[in-house]
PDB file of all heavy atoms in Angstrom:
ATOM      1  N   GLY A   1     -14.474  -8.100  79.602  1.00  0.00           N
ATOM      2  CA  GLY A   1     -15.787  -7.888  80.092  1.00  0.00           C
ATOM      3  C   GLY A   1     -15.715  -7.113  81.329  1.00  0.00           C
ATOM      4  O   GLY A   1     -15.168  -5.993  81.372  1.00  0.00           O
ATOM      5  N   ASP A   2     -16.444  -7.517  82.413  1.00  0.00           N
ATOM      6  CA  ASP A   2     -16.388  -6.890  83.698  1.00  0.00           C
ATOM      7  C   ASP A   2     -15.441  -7.534  84.677  1.00  0.00           C
ATOM      8  O   ASP A   2     -15.454  -7.237  85.793  1.00  0.00           O
ATOM      9  CB  ASP A   2     -17.839  -6.705  84.212  1.00  0.00           C
ATOM     10  CG  ASP A   2     -18.382  -8.149  84.391  1.00  0.00           C
ATOM     11  OD1 ASP A   2     -17.810  -9.105  84.006  1.00  0.00           O
ATOM     12  OD2 ASP A   2     -19.452  -8.133  85.147  1.00  0.00           O
ATOM     13  N   LYS A   3     -14.531  -8.405  84.228  1.00  0.00           N
ATOM     14  CA  LYS A   3     -13.657  -9.185  85.059  1.00  0.00           C
ATOM     15  C   LYS A   3     -12.235  -8.982  84.698  1.00  0.00           C
ATOM     16  O   LYS A   3     -11.909  -8.689  83.415  1.00  0.00           O
ATOM     17  CB  LYS A   3     -14.084 -10.728  85.107  1.00  0.00           C
ATOM     18  CG  LYS A   3     -15.374 -10.912  85.751  1.00  0.00           C
ATOM     19  CD  LYS A   3     -15.636 -12.411  85.945  1.00  0.00           C
ATOM     20  CE  LYS A   3     -17.009 -12.649  86.572  1.00  0.00           C
ATOM     21  NZ  LYS A   3     -17.300 -14.100  86.734  1.00  0.00           N
ATOM     22  N   TRP A   4     -11.341  -9.179  85.532  1.00  0.00           N
ATOM     23  CA  TRP A   4      -9.811  -9.012  85.248  1.00  0.00           C
ATOM     24  C   TRP A   4      -9.231 -10.519  85.400  1.00  0.00           C
ATOM     25  O   TRP A   4      -9.564 -11.283  86.190  1.00  0.00           O
ATOM     26  CB  TRP A   4      -9.278  -8.184  86.290  1.00  0.00           C
ATOM     27  CG  TRP A   4      -9.630  -6.782  86.175  1.00  0.00           C
ATOM     28  CD1 TRP A   4     -10.609  -6.219  86.652  1.00  0.00           C
ATOM     29  CD2 TRP A   4      -8.902  -5.766  85.412  1.00  0.00           C
ATOM     30  NE1 TRP A   4     -10.704  -4.771  86.389  1.00  0.00           N
ATOM     31  CE2 TRP A   4      -9.563  -4.513  85.466  1.00  0.00           C
ATOM     32  CE3 TRP A   4      -7.730  -5.659  84.665  1.00  0.00           C
ATOM     33  CZ2 TRP A   4      -9.125  -3.350  84.913  1.00  0.00           C
ATOM     34  CZ3 TRP A   4      -7.317  -4.520  84.190  1.00  0.00           C
ATOM     35  CH2 TRP A   4      -8.034  -3.348  84.237  1.00  0.00           C
ATOM     36  N   TYR A   5      -8.412 -10.708  84.376  1.00  0.00           N
ATOM     37  CA  TYR A   5      -7.686 -12.096  84.312  1.00  0.00           C
ATOM     38  C   TYR A   5      -6.129 -11.887  84.077  1.00  0.00           C
ATOM     39  O   TYR A   5      -5.774 -10.913  83.490  1.00  0.00           O
ATOM     40  CB  TYR A   5      -8.223 -12.866  83.240  1.00  0.00           C
ATOM     41  CG  TYR A   5      -9.608 -13.207  83.310  1.00  0.00           C
ATOM     42  CD1 TYR A   5     -10.593 -12.441  82.692  1.00  0.00           C
ATOM     43  CD2 TYR A   5     -10.068 -14.400  83.789  1.00  0.00           C
ATOM     44  CE1 TYR A   5     -12.057 -12.683  82.812  1.00  0.00           C
ATOM     45  CE2 TYR A   5     -11.393 -14.730  83.985  1.00  0.00           C
ATOM     46  CZ  TYR A   5     -12.360 -13.878  83.365  1.00  0.00           C
ATOM     47  OH  TYR A   5     -13.685 -14.176  83.487  1.00  0.00           O
ATOM     48  N   VAL A   6      -5.409 -12.702  84.720  1.00  0.00           N
ATOM     49  CA  VAL A   6      -3.996 -12.823  84.327  1.00  0.00           C
ATOM     50  C   VAL A   6      -3.785 -14.012  83.492  1.00  0.00           C
ATOM     51  O   VAL A   6      -4.060 -15.192  83.863  1.00  0.00           O
ATOM     52  CB  VAL A   6      -3.089 -13.040  85.668  1.00  0.00           C
ATOM     53  CG1 VAL A   6      -1.599 -13.266  85.330  1.00  0.00           C
ATOM     54  CG2 VAL A   6      -3.224 -11.871  86.624  1.00  0.00           C
ATOM     55  N   LYS A   7      -3.409 -13.748  82.180  1.00  0.00           N
ATOM     56  CA  LYS A   7      -3.301 -14.893  81.191  1.00  0.00           C
ATOM     57  C   LYS A   7      -1.970 -14.627  80.503  1.00  0.00           C
ATOM     58  O   LYS A   7      -1.525 -13.526  80.158  1.00  0.00           O
ATOM     59  CB  LYS A   7      -4.423 -14.725  80.168  1.00  0.00           C
ATOM     60  CG  LYS A   7      -5.741 -15.050  80.673  1.00  0.00           C
ATOM     61  CD  LYS A   7      -6.843 -15.107  79.507  1.00  0.00           C
ATOM     62  CE  LYS A   7      -8.262 -15.461  79.972  1.00  0.00           C
ATOM     63  NZ  LYS A   7      -9.215 -15.521  78.913  1.00  0.00           N
ATOM     64  N   TYR A   8      -1.237 -15.670  80.359  1.00  0.00           N
ATOM     65  CA  TYR A   8       0.055 -15.717  79.585  1.00  0.00           C
ATOM     66  C   TYR A   8       0.171 -17.089  78.957  1.00  0.00           C
ATOM     67  O   TYR A   8      -0.177 -18.067  79.510  1.00  0.00           O
ATOM     68  CB  TYR A   8       1.173 -15.418  80.634  1.00  0.00           C
ATOM     69  CG  TYR A   8       1.319 -16.248  81.803  1.00  0.00           C
ATOM     70  CD1 TYR A   8       2.048 -17.475  81.784  1.00  0.00           C
ATOM     71  CD2 TYR A   8       0.790 -15.769  82.988  1.00  0.00           C
ATOM     72  CE1 TYR A   8       2.107 -18.361  82.958  1.00  0.00           C
ATOM     73  CE2 TYR A   8       0.907 -16.633  84.155  1.00  0.00           C
ATOM     74  CZ  TYR A   8       1.489 -17.796  84.155  1.00  0.00           C
ATOM     75  OH  TYR A   8       1.683 -18.633  85.163  1.00  0.00           O
ATOM     76  N   GLU A   9       0.990 -17.037  77.890  1.00  0.00           N
ATOM     77  CA  GLU A   9       1.290 -18.250  77.066  1.00  0.00           C
ATOM     78  C   GLU A   9       2.422 -18.930  77.783  1.00  0.00           C
ATOM     79  O   GLU A   9       3.187 -18.366  78.571  1.00  0.00           O
ATOM     80  CB  GLU A   9       1.729 -17.756  75.667  1.00  0.00           C
ATOM     81  CG  GLU A   9       2.055 -18.916  74.744  1.00  0.00           C
ATOM     82  CD  GLU A   9       2.341 -18.437  73.393  1.00  0.00           C
ATOM     83  OE1 GLU A   9       2.088 -17.259  73.133  1.00  0.00           O
ATOM     84  OE2 GLU A   9       2.859 -19.242  72.625  1.00  0.00           O
ATOM     85  N   VAL A  10       2.454 -20.255  77.634  1.00  0.00           N
ATOM     86  CA  VAL A  10       3.594 -21.073  78.037  1.00  0.00           C
ATOM     87  C   VAL A  10       4.185 -21.804  76.897  1.00  0.00           C
ATOM     88  O   VAL A  10       3.473 -22.522  76.091  1.00  0.00           O
ATOM     89  CB  VAL A  10       3.127 -22.074  79.243  1.00  0.00           C
ATOM     90  CG1 VAL A  10       4.291 -22.861  79.691  1.00  0.00           C
ATOM     91  CG2 VAL A  10       2.456 -21.379  80.265  1.00  0.00           C
ATOM     92  N   ILE A  11       5.525 -21.666  76.681  1.00  0.00           N
ATOM     93  CA  ILE A  11       6.160 -22.223  75.493  1.00  0.00           C
ATOM     94  C   ILE A  11       6.768 -23.566  76.002  1.00  0.00           C
ATOM     95  O   ILE A  11       7.177 -23.708  77.142  1.00  0.00           O
ATOM     96  CB  ILE A  11       7.101 -21.175  74.913  1.00  0.00           C
ATOM     97  CG1 ILE A  11       8.258 -20.844  75.821  1.00  0.00           C
ATOM     98  CG2 ILE A  11       6.311 -20.128  74.201  1.00  0.00           C
ATOM     99  CD1 ILE A  11       9.369 -20.025  75.130  1.00  0.00           C
ATOM    100  N   GLY A  12       7.155 -24.329  74.971  1.00  0.00           N
ATOM    101  CA  GLY A  12       7.755 -25.649  75.245  1.00  0.00           C
ATOM    102  C   GLY A  12       6.896 -26.810  74.980  1.00  0.00           C
ATOM    103  O   GLY A  12       5.618 -26.645  75.023  1.00  0.00           O
ATOM    104  N   ASN A  13       7.413 -27.993  74.742  1.00  0.00           N
ATOM    105  CA  ASN A  13       6.621 -29.157  74.624  1.00  0.00           C
ATOM    106  C   ASN A  13       7.305 -30.341  75.262  1.00  0.00           C
ATOM    107  O   ASN A  13       8.247 -30.919  74.810  1.00  0.00           O
ATOM    108  CB  ASN A  13       6.527 -29.526  73.012  1.00  0.00           C
ATOM    109  CG  ASN A  13       5.607 -30.658  72.783  1.00  0.00           C
ATOM    110  OD1 ASN A  13       4.703 -30.979  73.637  1.00  0.00           O
ATOM    111  ND2 ASN A  13       5.698 -31.188  71.630  1.00  0.00           N
ATOM    112  N   PRO A  14       6.742 -30.591  76.497  1.00  0.00           N
ATOM    113  CA  PRO A  14       5.566 -30.081  77.120  1.00  0.00           C
ATOM    114  C   PRO A  14       5.733 -28.558  77.566  1.00  0.00           C
ATOM    115  O   PRO A  14       6.928 -28.190  77.677  1.00  0.00           O
ATOM    116  CB  PRO A  14       5.315 -31.028  78.330  1.00  0.00           C
ATOM    117  CG  PRO A  14       6.690 -31.486  78.688  1.00  0.00           C
ATOM    118  CD  PRO A  14       7.329 -31.629  77.317  1.00  0.00           C
ATOM    119  N   PRO A  15       4.660 -27.868  77.779  1.00  0.00           N
ATOM    120  CA  PRO A  15       4.668 -26.522  78.248  1.00  0.00           C
ATOM    121  C   PRO A  15       5.661 -26.284  79.432  1.00  0.00           C
ATOM    122  O   PRO A  15       5.540 -27.061  80.430  1.00  0.00           O
ATOM    123  CB  PRO A  15       3.286 -26.012  78.526  1.00  0.00           C
ATOM    124  CG  PRO A  15       2.438 -27.081  77.746  1.00  0.00           C
ATOM    125  CD  PRO A  15       3.248 -28.372  77.835  1.00  0.00           C
ATOM    126  N   ASN A  16       6.544 -25.345  79.381  1.00  0.00           N
ATOM    127  CA  ASN A  16       7.501 -25.158  80.390  1.00  0.00           C
ATOM    128  C   ASN A  16       7.910 -23.817  80.853  1.00  0.00           C
ATOM    129  O   ASN A  16       8.133 -23.591  82.035  1.00  0.00           O
ATOM    130  CB  ASN A  16       8.839 -25.906  79.938  1.00  0.00           C
ATOM    131  CG  ASN A  16       9.887 -26.147  81.116  1.00  0.00           C
ATOM    132  OD1 ASN A  16       9.507 -26.569  82.156  1.00  0.00           O
ATOM    133  ND2 ASN A  16      11.165 -25.805  80.817  1.00  0.00           N
ATOM    134  N   VAL A  17       8.006 -22.868  79.833  1.00  0.00           N
ATOM    135  CA  VAL A  17       8.451 -21.496  80.196  1.00  0.00           C
ATOM    136  C   VAL A  17       7.326 -20.525  79.974  1.00  0.00           C
ATOM    137  O   VAL A  17       6.689 -20.435  78.842  1.00  0.00           O
ATOM    138  CB  VAL A  17       9.715 -21.096  79.296  1.00  0.00           C
ATOM    139  CG1 VAL A  17      10.069 -19.689  79.510  1.00  0.00           C
ATOM    140  CG2 VAL A  17      10.708 -22.088  79.577  1.00  0.00           C
ATOM    141  N   ALA A  18       7.053 -19.765  81.099  1.00  0.00           N
ATOM    142  CA  ALA A  18       5.955 -18.807  80.971  1.00  0.00           C
ATOM    143  C   ALA A  18       6.467 -17.558  80.053  1.00  0.00           C
ATOM    144  O   ALA A  18       7.557 -17.089  80.019  1.00  0.00           O
ATOM    145  CB  ALA A  18       5.604 -18.156  82.322  1.00  0.00           C
ATOM    146  N   VAL A  19       5.491 -16.946  79.289  1.00  0.00           N
ATOM    147  CA  VAL A  19       5.695 -15.804  78.458  1.00  0.00           C
ATOM    148  C   VAL A  19       5.187 -14.601  79.264  1.00  0.00           C
ATOM    149  O   VAL A  19       3.942 -14.391  79.341  1.00  0.00           O
ATOM    150  CB  VAL A  19       5.139 -15.925  77.000  1.00  0.00           C
ATOM    151  CG1 VAL A  19       5.431 -14.584  76.330  1.00  0.00           C
ATOM    152  CG2 VAL A  19       5.705 -17.100  76.431  1.00  0.00           C
ATOM    153  N   PRO A  20       6.006 -13.643  79.664  1.00  0.00           N
ATOM    154  CA  PRO A  20       5.510 -12.525  80.507  1.00  0.00           C
ATOM    155  C   PRO A  20       4.688 -11.625  79.714  1.00  0.00           C
ATOM    156  O   PRO A  20       4.909 -11.529  78.365  1.00  0.00           O
ATOM    157  CB  PRO A  20       6.883 -11.832  80.890  1.00  0.00           C
ATOM    158  CG  PRO A  20       7.897 -12.944  80.883  1.00  0.00           C
ATOM    159  CD  PRO A  20       7.532 -13.724  79.691  1.00  0.00           C
ATOM    160  N   THR A  21       3.668 -10.925  80.353  1.00  0.00           N
ATOM    161  CA  THR A  21       2.889 -10.055  79.607  1.00  0.00           C
ATOM    162  C   THR A  21       3.631  -8.587  79.437  1.00  0.00           C
ATOM    163  O   THR A  21       3.394  -7.878  78.542  1.00  0.00           O
ATOM    164  CB  THR A  21       1.599  -9.780  80.340  1.00  0.00           C
ATOM    165  OG1 THR A  21       1.867  -9.212  81.678  1.00  0.00           O
ATOM    166  CG2 THR A  21       0.795 -11.151  80.564  1.00  0.00           C
ATOM    167  N   HIS A  22       4.583  -8.297  80.451  1.00  0.00           N
ATOM    168  CA  HIS A  22       5.190  -7.084  80.452  1.00  0.00           C
ATOM    169  C   HIS A  22       6.609  -7.272  80.957  1.00  0.00           C
ATOM    170  O   HIS A  22       6.997  -8.377  81.553  1.00  0.00           O
ATOM    171  CB  HIS A  22       4.537  -6.057  81.370  1.00  0.00           C
ATOM    172  CG  HIS A  22       3.204  -5.607  80.894  1.00  0.00           C
ATOM    173  ND1 HIS A  22       2.089  -6.491  80.872  1.00  0.00           N
ATOM    174  CD2 HIS A  22       2.751  -4.411  80.490  1.00  0.00           C
ATOM    175  CE1 HIS A  22       1.042  -5.778  80.516  1.00  0.00           C
ATOM    176  NE2 HIS A  22       1.353  -4.569  80.059  1.00  0.00           N
ATOM    177  N   PHE A  23       7.476  -6.260  80.882  1.00  0.00           N
ATOM    178  CA  PHE A  23       8.805  -6.231  81.419  1.00  0.00           C
ATOM    179  C   PHE A  23       9.123  -4.931  82.115  1.00  0.00           C
ATOM    180  O   PHE A  23       8.583  -3.861  81.656  1.00  0.00           O
ATOM    181  CB  PHE A  23       9.851  -6.559  80.405  1.00  0.00           C
ATOM    182  CG  PHE A  23       9.878  -7.985  79.840  1.00  0.00           C
ATOM    183  CD1 PHE A  23       9.169  -8.258  78.807  1.00  0.00           C
ATOM    184  CD2 PHE A  23      10.578  -8.916  80.544  1.00  0.00           C
ATOM    185  CE1 PHE A  23       9.191  -9.544  78.338  1.00  0.00           C
ATOM    186  CE2 PHE A  23      10.580 -10.254  80.143  1.00  0.00           C
ATOM    187  CZ  PHE A  23       9.843 -10.614  78.982  1.00  0.00           C
ATOM    188  N   PHE A  24       9.796  -4.966  83.184  1.00  0.00           N
ATOM    189  CA  PHE A  24      10.120  -3.669  83.905  1.00  0.00           C
ATOM    190  C   PHE A  24      11.674  -3.513  83.959  1.00  0.00           C
ATOM    191  O   PHE A  24      12.447  -4.309  83.829  1.00  0.00           O
ATOM    192  CB  PHE A  24       9.639  -3.727  85.342  1.00  0.00           C
ATOM    193  CG  PHE A  24      10.386  -4.714  86.269  1.00  0.00           C
ATOM    194  CD1 PHE A  24      11.604  -4.395  86.843  1.00  0.00           C
ATOM    195  CD2 PHE A  24       9.735  -5.949  86.494  1.00  0.00           C
ATOM    196  CE1 PHE A  24      12.173  -5.315  87.658  1.00  0.00           C
ATOM    197  CE2 PHE A  24      10.443  -6.827  87.375  1.00  0.00           C
ATOM    198  CZ  PHE A  24      11.674  -6.556  87.956  1.00  0.00           C
ATOM    199  N   LYS A  25      11.933  -2.171  83.956  1.00  0.00           N
ATOM    200  CA  LYS A  25      13.421  -1.716  84.321  1.00  0.00           C
ATOM    201  C   LYS A  25      13.150  -0.705  85.319  1.00  0.00           C
ATOM    202  O   LYS A  25      12.396   0.327  85.147  1.00  0.00           O
ATOM    203  CB  LYS A  25      14.069  -1.202  83.069  1.00  0.00           C
ATOM    204  CG  LYS A  25      14.643  -2.241  82.263  1.00  0.00           C
ATOM    205  CD  LYS A  25      15.715  -1.710  81.219  1.00  0.00           C
ATOM    206  CE  LYS A  25      16.217  -2.785  80.315  1.00  0.00           C
ATOM    207  NZ  LYS A  25      17.164  -3.667  80.936  1.00  0.00           N
ATOM    208  N   VAL A  26      13.870  -0.909  86.513  1.00  0.00           N
ATOM    209  CA  VAL A  26      13.989   0.099  87.477  1.00  0.00           C
ATOM    210  C   VAL A  26      15.372   0.628  87.605  1.00  0.00           C
ATOM    211  O   VAL A  26      16.317  -0.216  87.725  1.00  0.00           O
ATOM    212  CB  VAL A  26      13.445  -0.456  88.919  1.00  0.00           C
ATOM    213  CG1 VAL A  26      13.629   0.525  89.902  1.00  0.00           C
ATOM    214  CG2 VAL A  26      11.937  -0.901  88.819  1.00  0.00           C
TER     215      VAL A  26
END
């Protein structure tokens, strides 16, 4: 819509590890 959000999945049971939206290489 007209707003920005940072959203990412978290895997594990219970949830434990964040799933990045992107990856970088410099």
